[in-house]
């Protein structure tokens, strides 16, 4: 049966095995740090108990970069979205270990969360670090960065808010530039990494001579 309105997924769900610590974190700390994907629009001030700037990271992996940012900038709030359960469990475990109160996480499809639960004009920054580049040409339609997605990001950012992307695949960096440069709702801001934390995966790639490309665009 054909489903013409079925959303094209930008990811393949590979759950993997949960460690004991990850399962414990999901069982015992979700109510403290998790946000249910219930389609209800969030009140970010009530969620964090303050009106500090909010950064949203899409596809946070195991959450290490998100954790480091929250530790470095306790004056900001962070929301992370990830579909893979072990990564969510790992992030929850670390949040609890570090005693952080400025991070919340979601386990759901980021495009749905953006459209259903993130208020318009509410985010200081959106981060998209190392998304799946979908190397094969026939899979390019599955890349998360398309015009519709960029438009969704634009709606959620505050005026002057930043959209920070990073990739370790040069062809995907070219795709990112092409999509963003043809979108008249954004202007190019920087190609420096800024304060983006260096992950273990990225550090290993750099030691092996792999390149990394950061692209930051501003909402106009």
C-alpha atoms as a PDB file:
ATOM      1  CA  UNK A   1       0.000   0.000   0.000  1.00  0.00           C
ATOM      2  CA  UNK A   2       1.276   3.471  -0.877  1.00  0.00           C
ATOM      3  CA  UNK A   3       1.273   6.287   1.675  1.00  0.00           C
ATOM      4  CA  UNK A   4       1.947   9.518  -0.243  1.00  0.00           C
ATOM      5  CA  UNK A   5       1.797  11.605   2.916  1.00  0.00           C
ATOM      6  CA  UNK A   6       4.196   9.400   4.860  1.00  0.00           C
ATOM      7  CA  UNK A   7       7.143  11.381   6.212  1.00  0.00           C
ATOM      8  CA  UNK A   8      10.571  10.494   4.826  1.00  0.00           C
ATOM      9  CA  UNK A   9      12.787   9.674   7.807  1.00  0.00           C
ATOM     10  CA  UNK A  10      16.234  11.195   8.075  1.00  0.00           C
ATOM     11  CA  UNK A  11      17.422   8.349  10.295  1.00  0.00           C
ATOM     12  CA  UNK A  12      17.358   4.580  10.659  1.00  0.00           C
ATOM     13  CA  UNK A  13      16.351   3.482  14.129  1.00  0.00           C
ATOM     14  CA  UNK A  14      19.127   1.298  15.523  1.00  0.00           C
ATOM     15  CA  UNK A  15      18.374   0.863  19.189  1.00  0.00           C
ATOM     16  CA  UNK A  16      21.229  -1.336  20.336  1.00  0.00           C
ATOM     17  CA  UNK A  17      21.512  -2.830  23.795  1.00  0.00           C
ATOM     18  CA  UNK A  18      21.004  -0.680  26.868  1.00  0.00           C
ATOM     19  CA  UNK A  19      23.603  -0.782  29.606  1.00  0.00           C
ATOM     20  CA  UNK A  20      22.433  -1.132  33.174  1.00  0.00           C
ATOM     21  CA  UNK A  21      23.248   2.526  33.856  1.00  0.00           C
ATOM     22  CA  UNK A  22      21.308   3.686  30.780  1.00  0.00           C
ATOM     23  CA  UNK A  23      18.255   1.637  31.703  1.00  0.00           C
ATOM     24  CA  UNK A  24      18.417   2.853  35.294  1.00  0.00           C
ATOM     25  CA  UNK A  25      18.567   6.461  34.098  1.00  0.00           C
ATOM     26  CA  UNK A  26      15.544   5.963  31.819  1.00  0.00           C
ATOM     27  CA  UNK A  27      13.602   4.277  34.613  1.00  0.00           C
ATOM     28  CA  UNK A  28      14.477   6.690  37.402  1.00  0.00           C
ATOM     29  CA  UNK A  29      15.398  10.079  35.917  1.00  0.00           C
ATOM     30  CA  UNK A  30      13.072  10.575  32.968  1.00  0.00           C
ATOM     31  CA  UNK A  31      10.532  12.382  35.116  1.00  0.00           C
ATOM     32  CA  UNK A  32      13.249  14.809  36.226  1.00  0.00           C
ATOM     33  CA  UNK A  33      14.900  15.562  32.887  1.00  0.00           C
ATOM     34  CA  UNK A  34      12.727  14.101  30.143  1.00  0.00           C
ATOM     35  CA  UNK A  35      10.027  15.777  28.055  1.00  0.00           C
ATOM     36  CA  UNK A  36       7.224  13.564  26.797  1.00  0.00           C
ATOM     37  CA  UNK A  37       6.521  13.685  23.074  1.00  0.00           C
ATOM     38  CA  UNK A  38       2.801  14.273  23.514  1.00  0.00           C
ATOM     39  CA  UNK A  39       2.276  16.952  20.883  1.00  0.00           C
ATOM     40  CA  UNK A  40       1.529  19.626  23.510  1.00  0.00           C
ATOM     41  CA  UNK A  41       3.217  23.004  22.964  1.00  0.00           C
ATOM     42  CA  UNK A  42       5.877  23.641  25.592  1.00  0.00           C
ATOM     43  CA  UNK A  43       6.025  26.620  27.911  1.00  0.00           C
ATOM     44  CA  UNK A  44       9.811  26.968  28.107  1.00  0.00           C
ATOM     45  CA  UNK A  45       9.737  29.387  31.030  1.00  0.00           C
ATOM     46  CA  UNK A  46       7.708  26.960  33.111  1.00  0.00           C
ATOM     47  CA  UNK A  47       9.765  23.996  31.913  1.00  0.00           C
ATOM     48  CA  UNK A  48      13.029  25.441  33.249  1.00  0.00           C
ATOM     49  CA  UNK A  49      11.659  27.774  35.887  1.00  0.00           C
ATOM     50  CA  UNK A  50      13.363  30.798  34.332  1.00  0.00           C
ATOM     51  CA  UNK A  51      13.521  32.865  31.154  1.00  0.00           C
ATOM     52  CA  UNK A  52      17.146  32.132  30.220  1.00  0.00           C
ATOM     53  CA  UNK A  53      18.032  31.693  26.517  1.00  0.00           C
ATOM     54  CA  UNK A  54      17.307  28.228  25.150  1.00  0.00           C
ATOM     55  CA  UNK A  55      19.471  26.214  22.761  1.00  0.00           C
ATOM     56  CA  UNK A  56      17.996  23.178  21.006  1.00  0.00           C
ATOM     57  CA  UNK A  57      20.291  20.392  19.802  1.00  0.00           C
ATOM     58  CA  UNK A  58      18.900  17.984  17.222  1.00  0.00           C
ATOM     59  CA  UNK A  59      20.370  14.480  17.218  1.00  0.00           C
ATOM     60  CA  UNK A  60      22.629  14.742  20.262  1.00  0.00           C
ATOM     61  CA  UNK A  61      24.024  11.192  20.001  1.00  0.00           C
ATOM     62  CA  UNK A  62      25.150  10.208  23.489  1.00  0.00           C
ATOM     63  CA  UNK A  63      24.777  13.758  24.774  1.00  0.00           C
ATOM     64  CA  UNK A  64      28.405  14.465  25.680  1.00  0.00           C
ATOM     65  CA  UNK A  65      28.569  17.707  23.676  1.00  0.00           C
ATOM     66  CA  UNK A  66      25.260  18.867  25.123  1.00  0.00           C
ATOM     67  CA  UNK A  67      26.441  18.084  28.661  1.00  0.00           C
ATOM     68  CA  UNK A  68      29.670  20.041  28.201  1.00  0.00           C
ATOM     69  CA  UNK A  69      27.804  23.086  26.917  1.00  0.00           C
ATOM     70  CA  UNK A  70      25.405  23.021  29.848  1.00  0.00           C
ATOM     71  CA  UNK A  71      28.320  22.789  32.276  1.00  0.00           C
ATOM     72  CA  UNK A  72      30.155  25.678  30.610  1.00  0.00           C
ATOM     73  CA  UNK A  73      27.056  27.873  30.381  1.00  0.00           C
ATOM     74  CA  UNK A  74      24.795  27.445  33.405  1.00  0.00           C
ATOM     75  CA  UNK A  75      23.209  30.781  32.453  1.00  0.00           C
ATOM     76  CA  UNK A  76      21.607  29.094  29.412  1.00  0.00           C
ATOM     77  CA  UNK A  77      19.047  26.325  29.031  1.00  0.00           C
ATOM     78  CA  UNK A  78      19.352  23.343  26.681  1.00  0.00           C
ATOM     79  CA  UNK A  79      16.944  20.916  25.078  1.00  0.00           C
ATOM     80  CA  UNK A  80      18.279  17.845  23.296  1.00  0.00           C
ATOM     81  CA  UNK A  81      16.350  15.627  20.893  1.00  0.00           C
ATOM     82  CA  UNK A  82      17.509  12.113  19.997  1.00  0.00           C
ATOM     83  CA  UNK A  83      15.693   9.049  18.641  1.00  0.00           C
ATOM     84  CA  UNK A  84      18.149   6.378  19.794  1.00  0.00           C
ATOM     85  CA  UNK A  85      17.277   5.080  23.266  1.00  0.00           C
ATOM     86  CA  UNK A  86      20.822   4.157  24.466  1.00  0.00           C
ATOM     87  CA  UNK A  87      22.007   7.691  23.700  1.00  0.00           C
ATOM     88  CA  UNK A  88      19.094   9.162  25.612  1.00  0.00           C
ATOM     89  CA  UNK A  89      19.815   6.855  28.541  1.00  0.00           C
ATOM     90  CA  UNK A  90      23.498   7.817  28.518  1.00  0.00           C
ATOM     91  CA  UNK A  91      22.644  11.516  28.483  1.00  0.00           C
ATOM     92  CA  UNK A  92      20.165  11.177  31.347  1.00  0.00           C
ATOM     93  CA  UNK A  93      22.764   9.272  33.361  1.00  0.00           C
ATOM     94  CA  UNK A  94      25.347  12.022  32.862  1.00  0.00           C
ATOM     95  CA  UNK A  95      22.885  14.821  33.628  1.00  0.00           C
ATOM     96  CA  UNK A  96      22.123  13.166  36.953  1.00  0.00           C
ATOM     97  CA  UNK A  97      25.808  12.525  37.661  1.00  0.00           C
ATOM     98  CA  UNK A  98      26.741  16.148  36.944  1.00  0.00           C
ATOM     99  CA  UNK A  99      23.780  17.523  38.910  1.00  0.00           C
ATOM    100  CA  UNK A 100      22.691  19.761  36.027  1.00  0.00           C
ATOM    101  CA  UNK A 101      19.358  21.559  36.097  1.00  0.00           C
ATOM    102  CA  UNK A 102      19.540  23.368  32.733  1.00  0.00           C
ATOM    103  CA  UNK A 103      19.035  20.400  30.357  1.00  0.00           C
ATOM    104  CA  UNK A 104      15.903  18.573  29.231  1.00  0.00           C
ATOM    105  CA  UNK A 105      15.843  15.748  26.687  1.00  0.00           C
ATOM    106  CA  UNK A 106      13.303  14.303  24.290  1.00  0.00           C
ATOM    107  CA  UNK A 107      13.205  10.890  22.583  1.00  0.00           C
ATOM    108  CA  UNK A 108      11.329  11.494  19.349  1.00  0.00           C
ATOM    109  CA  UNK A 109      11.540  12.601  15.723  1.00  0.00           C
ATOM    110  CA  UNK A 110      12.964  16.144  15.721  1.00  0.00           C
ATOM    111  CA  UNK A 111      10.867  17.364  12.793  1.00  0.00           C
ATOM    112  CA  UNK A 112       7.677  16.422  14.628  1.00  0.00           C
ATOM    113  CA  UNK A 113       8.872  18.007  17.868  1.00  0.00           C
ATOM    114  CA  UNK A 114       9.730  21.246  16.067  1.00  0.00           C
ATOM    115  CA  UNK A 115       6.325  21.508  14.453  1.00  0.00           C
ATOM    116  CA  UNK A 116       4.229  20.330  17.394  1.00  0.00           C
ATOM    117  CA  UNK A 117       5.953  21.293  20.647  1.00  0.00           C
ATOM    118  CA  UNK A 118       8.506  24.088  20.201  1.00  0.00           C
ATOM    119  CA  UNK A 119       6.940  27.586  20.262  1.00  0.00           C
ATOM    120  CA  UNK A 120       7.690  29.985  17.438  1.00  0.00           C
ATOM    121  CA  UNK A 121      10.269  32.716  18.171  1.00  0.00           C
ATOM    122  CA  UNK A 122      11.530  30.960  21.289  1.00  0.00           C
ATOM    123  CA  UNK A 123      15.057  29.632  20.659  1.00  0.00           C
ATOM    124  CA  UNK A 124      18.369  31.466  20.800  1.00  0.00           C
ATOM    125  CA  UNK A 125      20.183  28.737  18.887  1.00  0.00           C
ATOM    126  CA  UNK A 126      19.510  25.461  17.068  1.00  0.00           C
ATOM    127  CA  UNK A 127      22.362  22.970  16.706  1.00  0.00           C
ATOM    128  CA  UNK A 128      22.637  20.186  14.143  1.00  0.00           C
ATOM    129  CA  UNK A 129      25.941  18.410  14.695  1.00  0.00           C
ATOM    130  CA  UNK A 130      27.071  15.521  12.488  1.00  0.00           C
ATOM    131  CA  UNK A 131      23.734  14.398  11.057  1.00  0.00           C
ATOM    132  CA  UNK A 132      23.666  11.315   8.847  1.00  0.00           C
ATOM    133  CA  UNK A 133      24.982  12.559   5.455  1.00  0.00           C
ATOM    134  CA  UNK A 134      23.208   9.833   3.459  1.00  0.00           C
ATOM    135  CA  UNK A 135      26.136   9.491   1.062  1.00  0.00           C
ATOM    136  CA  UNK A 136      24.413   7.764  -1.856  1.00  0.00           C
ATOM    137  CA  UNK A 137      22.672  10.085  -4.302  1.00  0.00           C
ATOM    138  CA  UNK A 138      19.441   8.105  -4.208  1.00  0.00           C
ATOM    139  CA  UNK A 139      19.310   8.694  -0.438  1.00  0.00           C
ATOM    140  CA  UNK A 140      19.868  12.470  -0.564  1.00  0.00           C
ATOM    141  CA  UNK A 141      16.125  13.014  -0.084  1.00  0.00           C
ATOM    142  CA  UNK A 142      16.576  11.553   3.404  1.00  0.00           C
ATOM    143  CA  UNK A 143      18.993  14.247   4.527  1.00  0.00           C
ATOM    144  CA  UNK A 144      17.415  16.190   7.347  1.00  0.00           C
ATOM    145  CA  UNK A 145      18.556  19.562   6.003  1.00  0.00           C
ATOM    146  CA  UNK A 146      16.040  20.463   3.299  1.00  0.00           C
ATOM    147  CA  UNK A 147      14.234  23.751   2.677  1.00  0.00           C
ATOM    148  CA  UNK A 148      11.146  22.750   4.681  1.00  0.00           C
ATOM    149  CA  UNK A 149      13.345  21.864   7.648  1.00  0.00           C
ATOM    150  CA  UNK A 150      15.290  25.133   7.412  1.00  0.00           C
ATOM    151  CA  UNK A 151      12.000  27.038   7.315  1.00  0.00           C
ATOM    152  CA  UNK A 152      10.877  25.221  10.483  1.00  0.00           C
ATOM    153  CA  UNK A 153      14.122  26.200  12.210  1.00  0.00           C
ATOM    154  CA  UNK A 154      13.578  29.800  11.134  1.00  0.00           C
ATOM    155  CA  UNK A 155      10.109  29.908  12.710  1.00  0.00           C
ATOM    156  CA  UNK A 156      11.412  28.646  16.040  1.00  0.00           C
ATOM    157  CA  UNK A 157      14.410  30.986  16.336  1.00  0.00           C
ATOM    158  CA  UNK A 158      14.254  34.415  17.900  1.00  0.00           C
ATOM    159  CA  UNK A 159      15.189  37.335  15.660  1.00  0.00           C
ATOM    160  CA  UNK A 160      18.960  37.165  15.235  1.00  0.00           C
ATOM    161  CA  UNK A 161      19.025  33.567  16.489  1.00  0.00           C
ATOM    162  CA  UNK A 162      21.668  31.182  15.150  1.00  0.00           C
ATOM    163  CA  UNK A 163      21.491  27.868  13.314  1.00  0.00           C
ATOM    164  CA  UNK A 164      24.792  26.039  13.884  1.00  0.00           C
ATOM    165  CA  UNK A 165      25.589  22.982  11.759  1.00  0.00           C
ATOM    166  CA  UNK A 166      28.650  20.745  11.700  1.00  0.00           C
ATOM    167  CA  UNK A 167      29.640  17.780   9.536  1.00  0.00           C
ATOM    168  CA  UNK A 168      32.733  15.667   8.901  1.00  0.00           C
ATOM    169  CA  UNK A 169      31.760  14.975   5.285  1.00  0.00           C
ATOM    170  CA  UNK A 170      32.704  17.721   2.844  1.00  0.00           C
ATOM    171  CA  UNK A 171      30.004  16.899   0.291  1.00  0.00           C
ATOM    172  CA  UNK A 172      27.369  17.279   2.990  1.00  0.00           C
ATOM    173  CA  UNK A 173      28.910  20.611   3.985  1.00  0.00           C
ATOM    174  CA  UNK A 174      28.465  21.688   0.363  1.00  0.00           C
ATOM    175  CA  UNK A 175      24.838  20.557   0.529  1.00  0.00           C
ATOM    176  CA  UNK A 176      24.327  22.544   3.732  1.00  0.00           C
ATOM    177  CA  UNK A 177      25.784  25.681   2.159  1.00  0.00           C
ATOM    178  CA  UNK A 178      23.648  25.272  -0.940  1.00  0.00           C
ATOM    179  CA  UNK A 179      20.413  24.814   1.011  1.00  0.00           C
ATOM    180  CA  UNK A 180      21.093  27.699   3.387  1.00  0.00           C
ATOM    181  CA  UNK A 181      22.485  30.161   0.828  1.00  0.00           C
ATOM    182  CA  UNK A 182      19.326  29.810  -1.259  1.00  0.00           C
ATOM    183  CA  UNK A 183      17.101  30.444   1.752  1.00  0.00           C
ATOM    184  CA  UNK A 184      16.426  34.180   2.003  1.00  0.00           C
ATOM    185  CA  UNK A 185      15.334  33.855   5.635  1.00  0.00           C
ATOM    186  CA  UNK A 186      18.942  33.368   6.808  1.00  0.00           C
ATOM    187  CA  UNK A 187      22.260  35.121   6.325  1.00  0.00           C
ATOM    188  CA  UNK A 188      25.696  33.517   6.609  1.00  0.00           C
ATOM    189  CA  UNK A 189      27.246  34.245  10.008  1.00  0.00           C
ATOM    190  CA  UNK A 190      30.415  32.190  10.534  1.00  0.00           C
ATOM    191  CA  UNK A 191      32.325  29.043   9.589  1.00  0.00           C
ATOM    192  CA  UNK A 192      34.184  28.826  12.907  1.00  0.00           C
ATOM    193  CA  UNK A 193      33.394  26.148  15.464  1.00  0.00           C
ATOM    194  CA  UNK A 194      33.011  28.763  18.184  1.00  0.00           C
ATOM    195  CA  UNK A 195      32.503  27.114  21.559  1.00  0.00           C
ATOM    196  CA  UNK A 196      31.225  23.833  20.160  1.00  0.00           C
ATOM    197  CA  UNK A 197      32.798  21.120  22.346  1.00  0.00           C
ATOM    198  CA  UNK A 198      35.126  18.629  20.676  1.00  0.00           C
ATOM    199  CA  UNK A 199      33.656  15.123  20.938  1.00  0.00           C
ATOM    200  CA  UNK A 200      35.759  11.953  21.292  1.00  0.00           C
ATOM    201  CA  UNK A 201      34.494  10.794  17.896  1.00  0.00           C
ATOM    202  CA  UNK A 202      35.494  14.095  16.296  1.00  0.00           C
ATOM    203  CA  UNK A 203      38.907  14.172  18.011  1.00  0.00           C
ATOM    204  CA  UNK A 204      39.645  10.691  16.687  1.00  0.00           C
ATOM    205  CA  UNK A 205      38.695  11.776  13.179  1.00  0.00           C
ATOM    206  CA  UNK A 206      40.936  14.821  13.376  1.00  0.00           C
ATOM    207  CA  UNK A 207      43.869  12.627  14.475  1.00  0.00           C
ATOM    208  CA  UNK A 208      43.223  10.495  11.393  1.00  0.00           C
ATOM    209  CA  UNK A 209      43.280  13.584   9.194  1.00  0.00           C
ATOM    210  CA  UNK A 210      39.538  13.926   8.653  1.00  0.00           C
ATOM    211  CA  UNK A 211      38.132  17.392   8.096  1.00  0.00           C
ATOM    212  CA  UNK A 212      35.276  19.024   9.997  1.00  0.00           C
ATOM    213  CA  UNK A 213      33.133  21.840   8.641  1.00  0.00           C
ATOM    214  CA  UNK A 214      31.107  24.214  10.825  1.00  0.00           C
ATOM    215  CA  UNK A 215      28.494  26.497   9.294  1.00  0.00           C
ATOM    216  CA  UNK A 216      26.495  29.071  11.270  1.00  0.00           C
ATOM    217  CA  UNK A 217      23.605  31.073   9.828  1.00  0.00           C
ATOM    218  CA  UNK A 218      21.605  33.880  11.430  1.00  0.00           C
ATOM    219  CA  UNK A 219      17.858  34.389  11.247  1.00  0.00           C
ATOM    220  CA  UNK A 220      16.950  37.579   9.427  1.00  0.00           C
END
